[in-house]
Amino acid sequence: MILEVTKKLAIKENNEENLNNNCKNNEEINNKIILTKEDKMNTMKESMVCFRRMHQNECLFYEMMKNIENPPLPLPKIYFTKICLEEKNEGEIKEGPQGVILMEDLTENTHIAPLTKGLNEIQIMEVIKYLAHLHAYLSLPKIKEKWQKEFTTIEKMWEQTFSEDFNKAIFEQIMELD
């Protein structure tokens, strides 16, 4: 389309040299546009692999924790989980991962503080307390063996080097949470 409009403008000016130069420039521009679309698709594929791994870990975590009588940290009731499947075609990639975690709504019992303000000392100590309980629980021999076998490690999850565009997009989404 761009190429056709440029040809018409050059013909209108009756300038053969402009026609040839503009056609070459538009071909270069079109090639850059195609590369940009490919880059975006590759970035999207990269991010979906990571999101799929994170989601699978999250589903596994909730499935394992829901059977514990006294979990090491407060958790919502989990009603249903479905892991993300690998996308097979471009349409599925554009739709994004189709995993689901259906859990109890805790909005009436919680408060969400703005991320940009940070946490105060009391909040930090609460987080540390629950992380300590979780780490102690995960260090139990039978539990430790099961978790190490079942979960994707952080190293494996982040083995790809994400593009700057992907990192920027994630940061922007986090900032929108406030």
N, C-alpha and C. Protein backbone atom coordinates (compact mmCIF):
# COMPACT_ATOMS: atom_id res chain seq x y z
N MET A 1 0.83 -1.19 0.00
CA MET A 1 0.00 0.00 0.00
C MET A 1 0.87 1.25 0.00
N ILE A 2 1.85 1.31 0.91
CA ILE A 2 2.74 2.46 0.97
C ILE A 2 3.48 2.61 -0.35
N LEU A 3 3.92 1.49 -0.89
CA LEU A 3 4.66 1.49 -2.15
C LEU A 3 3.82 2.06 -3.28
N GLU A 4 2.56 1.67 -3.36
CA GLU A 4 1.67 2.15 -4.43
C GLU A 4 1.43 3.66 -4.32
N VAL A 5 1.21 4.17 -3.12
CA VAL A 5 0.99 5.60 -2.93
C VAL A 5 2.23 6.38 -3.34
N THR A 6 3.40 5.88 -2.98
CA THR A 6 4.65 6.55 -3.34
C THR A 6 4.84 6.57 -4.85
N LYS A 7 4.52 5.47 -5.52
CA LYS A 7 4.63 5.42 -6.99
C LYS A 7 3.74 6.48 -7.62
N LYS A 8 2.52 6.58 -7.14
CA LYS A 8 1.57 7.55 -7.71
C LYS A 8 2.06 8.98 -7.52
N LEU A 9 2.62 9.29 -6.33
CA LEU A 9 3.14 10.63 -6.09
C LEU A 9 4.33 10.93 -7.00
N ALA A 10 5.20 9.98 -7.17
CA ALA A 10 6.37 10.18 -8.03
C ALA A 10 5.96 10.35 -9.48
N ILE A 11 5.00 9.57 -9.94
CA ILE A 11 4.52 9.69 -11.33
C ILE A 11 3.85 11.04 -11.53
N LYS A 12 3.10 11.46 -10.54
CA LYS A 12 2.42 12.75 -10.63
C LYS A 12 3.44 13.87 -10.82
N GLU A 13 4.59 13.77 -10.18
CA GLU A 13 5.63 14.79 -10.32
C GLU A 13 6.45 14.59 -11.60
N ASN A 14 6.17 13.51 -12.35
CA ASN A 14 6.91 13.19 -13.57
C ASN A 14 8.41 13.17 -13.34
N ASN A 15 8.81 12.56 -12.27
CA ASN A 15 10.22 12.52 -11.95
C ASN A 15 10.63 11.06 -11.80
N GLU A 16 11.24 10.51 -12.84
CA GLU A 16 11.62 9.09 -12.87
C GLU A 16 12.63 8.76 -11.76
N GLU A 17 13.54 9.68 -11.49
CA GLU A 17 14.55 9.45 -10.46
C GLU A 17 13.90 9.31 -9.08
N ASN A 18 12.94 10.18 -8.78
CA ASN A 18 12.21 10.09 -7.52
C ASN A 18 11.48 8.75 -7.40
N LEU A 19 10.92 8.31 -8.51
CA LEU A 19 10.19 7.04 -8.53
C LEU A 19 11.11 5.90 -8.11
N ASN A 20 12.27 5.82 -8.74
CA ASN A 20 13.20 4.72 -8.44
C ASN A 20 13.72 4.81 -7.00
N ASN A 21 14.10 6.01 -6.56
CA ASN A 21 14.61 6.18 -5.19
C ASN A 21 13.54 5.86 -4.15
N ASN A 22 12.32 6.35 -4.37
CA ASN A 22 11.25 6.11 -3.40
C ASN A 22 10.88 4.64 -3.33
N CYS A 23 10.88 3.96 -4.47
CA CYS A 23 10.56 2.53 -4.47
C CYS A 23 11.60 1.75 -3.67
N LYS A 24 12.89 2.10 -3.85
CA LYS A 24 13.95 1.42 -3.10
C LYS A 24 13.80 1.71 -1.60
N ASN A 25 13.53 2.98 -1.25
CA ASN A 25 13.36 3.35 0.16
C ASN A 25 12.17 2.63 0.78
N ASN A 26 11.08 2.53 0.05
CA ASN A 26 9.89 1.86 0.59
C ASN A 26 10.11 0.37 0.76
N GLU A 27 10.89 -0.23 -0.13
CA GLU A 27 11.20 -1.64 0.05
C GLU A 27 12.01 -1.83 1.33
N GLU A 28 12.96 -0.93 1.57
CA GLU A 28 13.74 -0.99 2.81
C GLU A 28 12.83 -0.81 4.03
N ILE A 29 11.93 0.16 3.94
CA ILE A 29 10.99 0.41 5.05
C ILE A 29 10.11 -0.82 5.27
N ASN A 30 9.58 -1.39 4.20
CA ASN A 30 8.73 -2.58 4.32
C ASN A 30 9.51 -3.73 4.95
N ASN A 31 10.78 -3.90 4.56
CA ASN A 31 11.60 -4.95 5.17
C ASN A 31 11.78 -4.71 6.66
N LYS A 32 11.99 -3.45 7.06
CA LYS A 32 12.14 -3.13 8.48
C LYS A 32 10.84 -3.40 9.23
N ILE A 33 9.71 -3.11 8.62
CA ILE A 33 8.41 -3.37 9.25
C ILE A 33 8.23 -4.86 9.46
N ILE A 34 8.58 -5.66 8.47
CA ILE A 34 8.45 -7.11 8.58
C ILE A 34 9.36 -7.62 9.70
N LEU A 35 10.59 -7.13 9.76
CA LEU A 35 11.50 -7.55 10.83
C LEU A 35 10.95 -7.16 12.20
N THR A 36 10.37 -5.99 12.28
CA THR A 36 9.80 -5.54 13.54
C THR A 36 8.67 -6.47 13.98
N LYS A 37 7.82 -6.88 13.06
CA LYS A 37 6.74 -7.82 13.40
C LYS A 37 7.31 -9.15 13.87
N GLU A 38 8.37 -9.62 13.18
CA GLU A 38 9.00 -10.88 13.59
C GLU A 38 9.62 -10.74 14.97
N ASP A 39 10.28 -9.60 15.21
CA ASP A 39 10.88 -9.36 16.52
C ASP A 39 9.81 -9.36 17.61
N LYS A 40 8.68 -8.70 17.32
CA LYS A 40 7.59 -8.66 18.30
C LYS A 40 7.06 -10.06 18.58
N MET A 41 6.93 -10.87 17.52
CA MET A 41 6.42 -12.23 17.69
C MET A 41 7.41 -13.06 18.51
N ASN A 42 8.71 -12.89 18.24
CA ASN A 42 9.72 -13.62 19.01
C ASN A 42 9.70 -13.20 20.48
N THR A 43 9.57 -11.91 20.72
CA THR A 43 9.49 -11.41 22.10
C THR A 43 8.27 -11.97 22.79
N MET A 44 7.15 -12.02 22.07
CA MET A 44 5.92 -12.56 22.64
C MET A 44 6.10 -14.05 22.96
N LYS A 45 6.73 -14.79 22.06
CA LYS A 45 6.97 -16.22 22.30
C LYS A 45 7.86 -16.41 23.52
N GLU A 46 8.92 -15.60 23.61
CA GLU A 46 9.83 -15.65 24.76
C GLU A 46 9.07 -15.43 26.06
N SER A 47 8.26 -14.40 26.08
CA SER A 47 7.55 -14.06 27.30
C SER A 47 6.53 -15.14 27.66
N MET A 48 5.89 -15.74 26.67
CA MET A 48 4.90 -16.78 26.95
C MET A 48 5.55 -18.01 27.56
N VAL A 49 6.77 -18.35 27.12
CA VAL A 49 7.47 -19.49 27.70
C VAL A 49 7.70 -19.25 29.19
N CYS A 50 8.16 -18.06 29.51
CA CYS A 50 8.43 -17.73 30.91
C CYS A 50 7.13 -17.67 31.72
N PHE A 51 6.12 -17.01 31.19
CA PHE A 51 4.84 -16.93 31.91
C PHE A 51 4.24 -18.31 32.12
N ARG A 52 4.37 -19.18 31.11
CA ARG A 52 3.84 -20.53 31.23
C ARG A 52 4.55 -21.27 32.37
N ARG A 53 5.87 -21.14 32.45
CA ARG A 53 6.63 -21.80 33.52
C ARG A 53 6.24 -21.24 34.89
N MET A 54 6.12 -19.91 34.98
CA MET A 54 5.73 -19.31 36.26
C MET A 54 4.33 -19.77 36.67
N HIS A 55 3.41 -19.80 35.71
CA HIS A 55 2.04 -20.22 36.00
C HIS A 55 2.01 -21.68 36.45
N GLN A 56 2.79 -22.54 35.79
CA GLN A 56 2.83 -23.94 36.18
C GLN A 56 3.35 -24.09 37.60
N ASN A 57 4.38 -23.33 37.95
CA ASN A 57 4.88 -23.36 39.32
C ASN A 57 3.81 -22.89 40.30
N GLU A 58 3.10 -21.84 39.94
CA GLU A 58 2.06 -21.32 40.82
C GLU A 58 0.94 -22.34 41.01
N CYS A 59 0.50 -22.97 39.93
CA CYS A 59 -0.53 -24.02 40.04
C CYS A 59 -0.04 -25.16 40.93
N LEU A 60 1.18 -25.59 40.71
CA LEU A 60 1.75 -26.67 41.50
C LEU A 60 1.83 -26.28 42.98
N PHE A 61 2.27 -25.07 43.24
CA PHE A 61 2.36 -24.58 44.62
C PHE A 61 1.00 -24.65 45.31
N TYR A 62 -0.02 -24.11 44.67
CA TYR A 62 -1.35 -24.10 45.28
C TYR A 62 -1.91 -25.52 45.42
N GLU A 63 -1.68 -26.36 44.44
CA GLU A 63 -2.17 -27.75 44.52
C GLU A 63 -1.51 -28.48 45.69
N MET A 64 -0.21 -28.25 45.88
CA MET A 64 0.49 -28.92 46.97
C MET A 64 0.09 -28.35 48.33
N MET A 65 -0.13 -27.06 48.40
CA MET A 65 -0.46 -26.41 49.67
C MET A 65 -1.91 -26.63 50.10
N LYS A 66 -2.80 -26.86 49.15
CA LYS A 66 -4.21 -26.96 49.55
C LYS A 66 -4.50 -28.20 50.38
N ASN A 67 -3.63 -29.19 50.35
CA ASN A 67 -3.84 -30.42 51.13
C ASN A 67 -3.18 -30.36 52.50
N ILE A 68 -2.52 -29.27 52.83
CA ILE A 68 -1.84 -29.14 54.11
C ILE A 68 -2.84 -28.57 55.13
N GLU A 69 -2.91 -29.24 56.29
CA GLU A 69 -3.87 -28.83 57.31
C GLU A 69 -3.56 -27.43 57.86
N ASN A 70 -2.31 -27.18 58.21
CA ASN A 70 -1.88 -25.87 58.72
C ASN A 70 -0.74 -25.35 57.83
N PRO A 71 -1.07 -24.69 56.74
CA PRO A 71 0.00 -24.22 55.85
C PRO A 71 0.90 -23.20 56.54
N PRO A 72 2.15 -23.09 56.10
CA PRO A 72 3.11 -22.19 56.75
C PRO A 72 2.84 -20.71 56.51
N LEU A 73 1.88 -20.39 55.69
CA LEU A 73 1.50 -18.99 55.47
C LEU A 73 0.03 -18.95 55.07
N PRO A 74 -0.64 -17.82 55.30
CA PRO A 74 -2.07 -17.73 54.94
C PRO A 74 -2.25 -17.81 53.43
N LEU A 75 -3.19 -18.64 53.03
CA LEU A 75 -3.46 -18.82 51.59
C LEU A 75 -4.97 -18.82 51.35
N PRO A 76 -5.40 -18.36 50.19
CA PRO A 76 -6.82 -18.47 49.85
C PRO A 76 -7.16 -19.92 49.53
N LYS A 77 -8.43 -20.26 49.63
CA LYS A 77 -8.87 -21.59 49.19
C LYS A 77 -8.72 -21.65 47.67
N ILE A 78 -8.22 -22.77 47.19
CA ILE A 78 -8.03 -22.96 45.75
C ILE A 78 -9.10 -23.93 45.28
N TYR A 79 -9.91 -23.48 44.34
CA TYR A 79 -11.01 -24.30 43.83
C TYR A 79 -10.62 -25.07 42.57
N PHE A 80 -9.77 -24.47 41.74
CA PHE A 80 -9.46 -25.10 40.46
C PHE A 80 -8.18 -24.48 39.89
N THR A 81 -7.34 -25.33 39.30
CA THR A 81 -6.18 -24.83 38.55
C THR A 81 -6.11 -25.54 37.20
N LYS A 82 -5.63 -24.83 36.22
CA LYS A 82 -5.39 -25.40 34.89
C LYS A 82 -4.09 -24.81 34.37
N ILE A 83 -3.13 -25.67 34.04
CA ILE A 83 -1.85 -25.17 33.57
C ILE A 83 -1.96 -24.68 32.12
N CYS A 84 -1.07 -23.80 31.77
CA CYS A 84 -1.01 -23.27 30.40
C CYS A 84 -0.42 -24.34 29.49
N LEU A 85 -1.01 -24.50 28.34
CA LEU A 85 -0.45 -25.40 27.34
C LEU A 85 0.35 -24.58 26.35
N GLU A 86 1.30 -25.22 25.69
CA GLU A 86 2.12 -24.51 24.71
C GLU A 86 1.28 -24.13 23.50
N GLU A 87 1.44 -22.88 23.06
CA GLU A 87 0.69 -22.40 21.90
C GLU A 87 1.26 -23.05 20.65
N LYS A 88 0.36 -23.44 19.74
CA LYS A 88 0.79 -24.13 18.54
C LYS A 88 0.81 -23.25 17.30
N ASN A 89 0.07 -22.15 17.32
CA ASN A 89 0.04 -21.29 16.14
C ASN A 89 0.00 -19.82 16.56
N GLU A 90 0.14 -18.94 15.58
CA GLU A 90 0.22 -17.50 15.85
C GLU A 90 -1.03 -16.97 16.55
N GLY A 91 -2.19 -17.47 16.18
CA GLY A 91 -3.44 -17.02 16.80
C GLY A 91 -3.47 -17.32 18.29
N GLU A 92 -3.02 -18.51 18.66
CA GLU A 92 -2.97 -18.88 20.07
C GLU A 92 -1.95 -18.04 20.82
N ILE A 93 -0.84 -17.70 20.17
CA ILE A 93 0.18 -16.87 20.81
C ILE A 93 -0.38 -15.49 21.09
N LYS A 94 -1.13 -14.93 20.14
CA LYS A 94 -1.71 -13.60 20.32
C LYS A 94 -2.74 -13.59 21.45
N GLU A 95 -3.47 -14.70 21.61
CA GLU A 95 -4.46 -14.79 22.68
C GLU A 95 -3.80 -14.85 24.05
N GLY A 96 -2.59 -15.36 24.09
CA GLY A 96 -1.87 -15.48 25.35
C GLY A 96 -2.16 -16.81 26.01
N PRO A 97 -1.48 -17.06 27.13
CA PRO A 97 -1.65 -18.34 27.81
C PRO A 97 -3.07 -18.49 28.34
N GLN A 98 -3.56 -19.70 28.31
CA GLN A 98 -4.94 -19.96 28.71
C GLN A 98 -5.04 -20.72 30.02
N GLY A 99 -4.06 -20.54 30.89
CA GLY A 99 -4.10 -21.17 32.21
C GLY A 99 -5.06 -20.44 33.13
N VAL A 100 -5.49 -21.14 34.19
CA VAL A 100 -6.47 -20.57 35.12
C VAL A 100 -6.14 -20.99 36.55
N ILE A 101 -6.31 -20.07 37.47
CA ILE A 101 -6.30 -20.38 38.90
C ILE A 101 -7.55 -19.73 39.48
N LEU A 102 -8.46 -20.56 39.95
CA LEU A 102 -9.70 -20.06 40.55
C LEU A 102 -9.56 -20.20 42.06
N MET A 103 -9.57 -19.05 42.75
CA MET A 103 -9.34 -19.07 44.20
C MET A 103 -10.33 -18.18 44.93
N GLU A 104 -10.35 -18.37 46.22
CA GLU A 104 -11.21 -17.59 47.11
C GLU A 104 -10.91 -16.10 46.97
N ASP A 105 -11.95 -15.29 46.99
CA ASP A 105 -11.80 -13.84 46.93
C ASP A 105 -11.51 -13.31 48.33
N LEU A 106 -10.36 -12.72 48.51
CA LEU A 106 -9.96 -12.21 49.82
C LEU A 106 -9.98 -10.69 49.89
N THR A 107 -10.58 -10.04 48.92
CA THR A 107 -10.51 -8.58 48.86
C THR A 107 -11.13 -7.90 50.07
N GLU A 108 -12.12 -8.53 50.70
CA GLU A 108 -12.75 -7.91 51.88
C GLU A 108 -11.88 -8.05 53.13
N ASN A 109 -10.94 -8.99 53.11
CA ASN A 109 -10.08 -9.23 54.27
C ASN A 109 -8.66 -8.69 54.09
N THR A 110 -8.42 -7.98 53.02
CA THR A 110 -7.06 -7.53 52.72
C THR A 110 -7.03 -6.05 52.37
N HIS A 111 -5.82 -5.54 52.34
CA HIS A 111 -5.58 -4.17 51.90
C HIS A 111 -4.40 -4.21 50.94
N ILE A 112 -4.52 -3.57 49.82
CA ILE A 112 -3.43 -3.52 48.85
C ILE A 112 -2.81 -2.13 48.92
N ALA A 113 -1.59 -2.09 49.38
CA ALA A 113 -0.87 -0.81 49.48
C ALA A 113 -0.22 -0.50 48.14
N PRO A 114 -0.08 0.76 47.79
CA PRO A 114 0.60 1.12 46.54
C PRO A 114 2.04 0.59 46.51
N LEU A 115 2.40 -0.06 45.42
CA LEU A 115 3.73 -0.64 45.31
C LEU A 115 4.84 0.42 45.33
N THR A 116 4.55 1.56 44.79
CA THR A 116 5.59 2.58 44.66
C THR A 116 5.98 3.21 45.99
N LYS A 117 5.13 3.10 47.02
CA LYS A 117 5.45 3.69 48.32
C LYS A 117 6.32 2.78 49.17
N GLY A 118 6.35 1.50 48.84
CA GLY A 118 7.15 0.57 49.62
C GLY A 118 6.42 0.10 50.86
N LEU A 119 7.13 -0.70 51.67
CA LEU A 119 6.56 -1.26 52.89
C LEU A 119 7.15 -0.57 54.11
N ASN A 120 6.37 -0.53 55.20
CA ASN A 120 6.93 -0.01 56.45
C ASN A 120 7.58 -1.17 57.21
N GLU A 121 8.19 -0.87 58.35
CA GLU A 121 8.94 -1.87 59.10
C GLU A 121 8.05 -3.03 59.57
N ILE A 122 6.86 -2.73 60.03
CA ILE A 122 5.94 -3.78 60.51
C ILE A 122 5.56 -4.71 59.36
N GLN A 123 5.25 -4.14 58.20
CA GLN A 123 4.89 -4.96 57.04
C GLN A 123 6.06 -5.83 56.61
N ILE A 124 7.25 -5.28 56.62
CA ILE A 124 8.44 -6.05 56.24
C ILE A 124 8.64 -7.22 57.20
N MET A 125 8.47 -6.98 58.49
CA MET A 125 8.64 -8.05 59.48
C MET A 125 7.59 -9.15 59.30
N GLU A 126 6.38 -8.79 58.93
CA GLU A 126 5.33 -9.79 58.65
C GLU A 126 5.73 -10.66 57.45
N VAL A 127 6.20 -10.03 56.41
CA VAL A 127 6.64 -10.77 55.22
C VAL A 127 7.77 -11.72 55.59
N ILE A 128 8.75 -11.22 56.34
CA ILE A 128 9.89 -12.05 56.76
C ILE A 128 9.42 -13.23 57.60
N LYS A 129 8.48 -12.99 58.51
CA LYS A 129 7.95 -14.07 59.37
C LYS A 129 7.35 -15.19 58.53
N TYR A 130 6.51 -14.83 57.56
CA TYR A 130 5.87 -15.86 56.74
C TYR A 130 6.85 -16.54 55.79
N LEU A 131 7.81 -15.79 55.29
CA LEU A 131 8.85 -16.42 54.46
C LEU A 131 9.68 -17.40 55.28
N ALA A 132 9.97 -17.05 56.53
CA ALA A 132 10.72 -17.97 57.41
C ALA A 132 9.93 -19.25 57.65
N HIS A 133 8.62 -19.12 57.90
CA HIS A 133 7.76 -20.31 58.08
C HIS A 133 7.76 -21.16 56.81
N LEU A 134 7.64 -20.52 55.67
CA LEU A 134 7.62 -21.25 54.39
C LEU A 134 8.95 -21.96 54.15
N HIS A 135 10.05 -21.28 54.38
CA HIS A 135 11.37 -21.89 54.16
C HIS A 135 11.60 -23.05 55.12
N ALA A 136 11.17 -22.90 56.37
CA ALA A 136 11.31 -24.00 57.34
C ALA A 136 10.51 -25.21 56.87
N TYR A 137 9.29 -24.98 56.41
CA TYR A 137 8.45 -26.07 55.91
C TYR A 137 9.09 -26.75 54.71
N LEU A 138 9.59 -25.95 53.78
CA LEU A 138 10.19 -26.50 52.56
C LEU A 138 11.51 -27.23 52.82
N SER A 139 12.10 -27.01 54.00
CA SER A 139 13.36 -27.68 54.34
C SER A 139 13.15 -29.07 54.92
N LEU A 140 11.91 -29.42 55.26
CA LEU A 140 11.63 -30.78 55.76
C LEU A 140 12.01 -31.78 54.66
N PRO A 141 12.73 -32.86 55.01
CA PRO A 141 13.29 -33.76 53.99
C PRO A 141 12.31 -34.26 52.93
N LYS A 142 11.15 -34.78 53.34
CA LYS A 142 10.20 -35.30 52.34
C LYS A 142 9.66 -34.18 51.46
N ILE A 143 9.38 -33.05 52.06
CA ILE A 143 8.83 -31.91 51.32
C ILE A 143 9.89 -31.36 50.37
N LYS A 144 11.11 -31.21 50.87
CA LYS A 144 12.20 -30.66 50.06
C LYS A 144 12.42 -31.49 48.80
N GLU A 145 12.43 -32.80 48.96
CA GLU A 145 12.64 -33.69 47.81
C GLU A 145 11.52 -33.52 46.78
N LYS A 146 10.29 -33.45 47.26
CA LYS A 146 9.14 -33.30 46.35
C LYS A 146 9.20 -31.97 45.60
N TRP A 147 9.49 -30.88 46.31
CA TRP A 147 9.53 -29.56 45.68
C TRP A 147 10.65 -29.48 44.66
N GLN A 148 11.82 -30.00 45.02
CA GLN A 148 12.95 -29.93 44.10
C GLN A 148 12.69 -30.72 42.83
N LYS A 149 11.96 -31.81 42.95
CA LYS A 149 11.66 -32.65 41.79
C LYS A 149 10.59 -32.03 40.90
N GLU A 150 9.59 -31.42 41.50
CA GLU A 150 8.41 -30.95 40.77
C GLU A 150 8.54 -29.56 40.16
N PHE A 151 9.25 -28.66 40.82
CA PHE A 151 9.25 -27.25 40.41
C PHE A 151 10.33 -26.93 39.39
N THR A 152 10.02 -25.97 38.53
CA THR A 152 11.01 -25.41 37.62
C THR A 152 11.82 -24.40 38.41
N THR A 153 13.13 -24.50 38.34
CA THR A 153 13.98 -23.58 39.10
C THR A 153 13.97 -22.19 38.47
N ILE A 154 14.35 -21.22 39.28
CA ILE A 154 14.45 -19.84 38.79
C ILE A 154 15.46 -19.77 37.64
N GLU A 155 16.58 -20.48 37.79
CA GLU A 155 17.60 -20.45 36.75
C GLU A 155 17.04 -20.93 35.42
N LYS A 156 16.28 -22.02 35.46
CA LYS A 156 15.70 -22.55 34.23
C LYS A 156 14.60 -21.62 33.70
N MET A 157 13.82 -21.08 34.63
CA MET A 157 12.71 -20.23 34.23
C MET A 157 13.20 -18.97 33.51
N TRP A 158 14.31 -18.42 33.95
CA TRP A 158 14.82 -17.17 33.40
C TRP A 158 16.02 -17.39 32.50
N GLU A 159 16.18 -18.60 31.96
CA GLU A 159 17.37 -18.89 31.16
C GLU A 159 17.43 -18.05 29.88
N GLN A 160 16.30 -17.61 29.38
CA GLN A 160 16.34 -16.75 28.20
C GLN A 160 16.71 -15.34 28.64
N THR A 161 17.37 -14.65 27.77
CA THR A 161 17.65 -13.24 28.00
C THR A 161 16.53 -12.48 27.32
N PHE A 162 15.72 -11.81 28.11
CA PHE A 162 14.57 -11.12 27.55
C PHE A 162 14.98 -9.81 26.91
N SER A 163 14.24 -9.43 25.91
CA SER A 163 14.52 -8.19 25.21
C SER A 163 14.19 -6.99 26.09
N GLU A 164 14.75 -5.86 25.75
CA GLU A 164 14.49 -4.62 26.48
C GLU A 164 13.01 -4.26 26.41
N ASP A 165 12.37 -4.51 25.24
CA ASP A 165 10.94 -4.21 25.08
C ASP A 165 10.10 -5.01 26.07
N PHE A 166 10.45 -6.29 26.24
CA PHE A 166 9.71 -7.15 27.16
C PHE A 166 9.84 -6.63 28.60
N ASN A 167 11.08 -6.33 29.00
CA ASN A 167 11.31 -5.82 30.36
C ASN A 167 10.56 -4.52 30.59
N LYS A 168 10.57 -3.64 29.59
CA LYS A 168 9.88 -2.35 29.71
C LYS A 168 8.37 -2.58 29.85
N ALA A 169 7.83 -3.51 29.06
CA ALA A 169 6.39 -3.79 29.11
C ALA A 169 5.98 -4.33 30.49
N ILE A 170 6.78 -5.22 31.05
CA ILE A 170 6.49 -5.77 32.37
C ILE A 170 6.52 -4.65 33.42
N PHE A 171 7.54 -3.80 33.35
CA PHE A 171 7.66 -2.69 34.30
C PHE A 171 6.45 -1.77 34.21
N GLU A 172 6.00 -1.45 32.99
CA GLU A 172 4.84 -0.58 32.81
C GLU A 172 3.58 -1.21 33.39
N GLN A 173 3.42 -2.53 33.21
CA GLN A 173 2.25 -3.21 33.77
C GLN A 173 2.28 -3.17 35.29
N ILE A 174 3.44 -3.35 35.89
CA ILE A 174 3.55 -3.30 37.34
C ILE A 174 3.20 -1.91 37.85
N MET A 175 3.67 -0.89 37.16
CA MET A 175 3.39 0.48 37.58
C MET A 175 1.90 0.80 37.47
N GLU A 176 1.20 0.17 36.53
CA GLU A 176 -0.24 0.39 36.37
C GLU A 176 -1.04 -0.22 37.51
N LEU A 177 -0.45 -1.13 38.28
CA LEU A 177 -1.15 -1.77 39.39
C LEU A 177 -1.49 -0.78 40.49
N ASP A 178 -0.69 0.27 40.61
CA ASP A 178 -0.97 1.30 41.63
C ASP A 178 -2.15 2.05 41.17
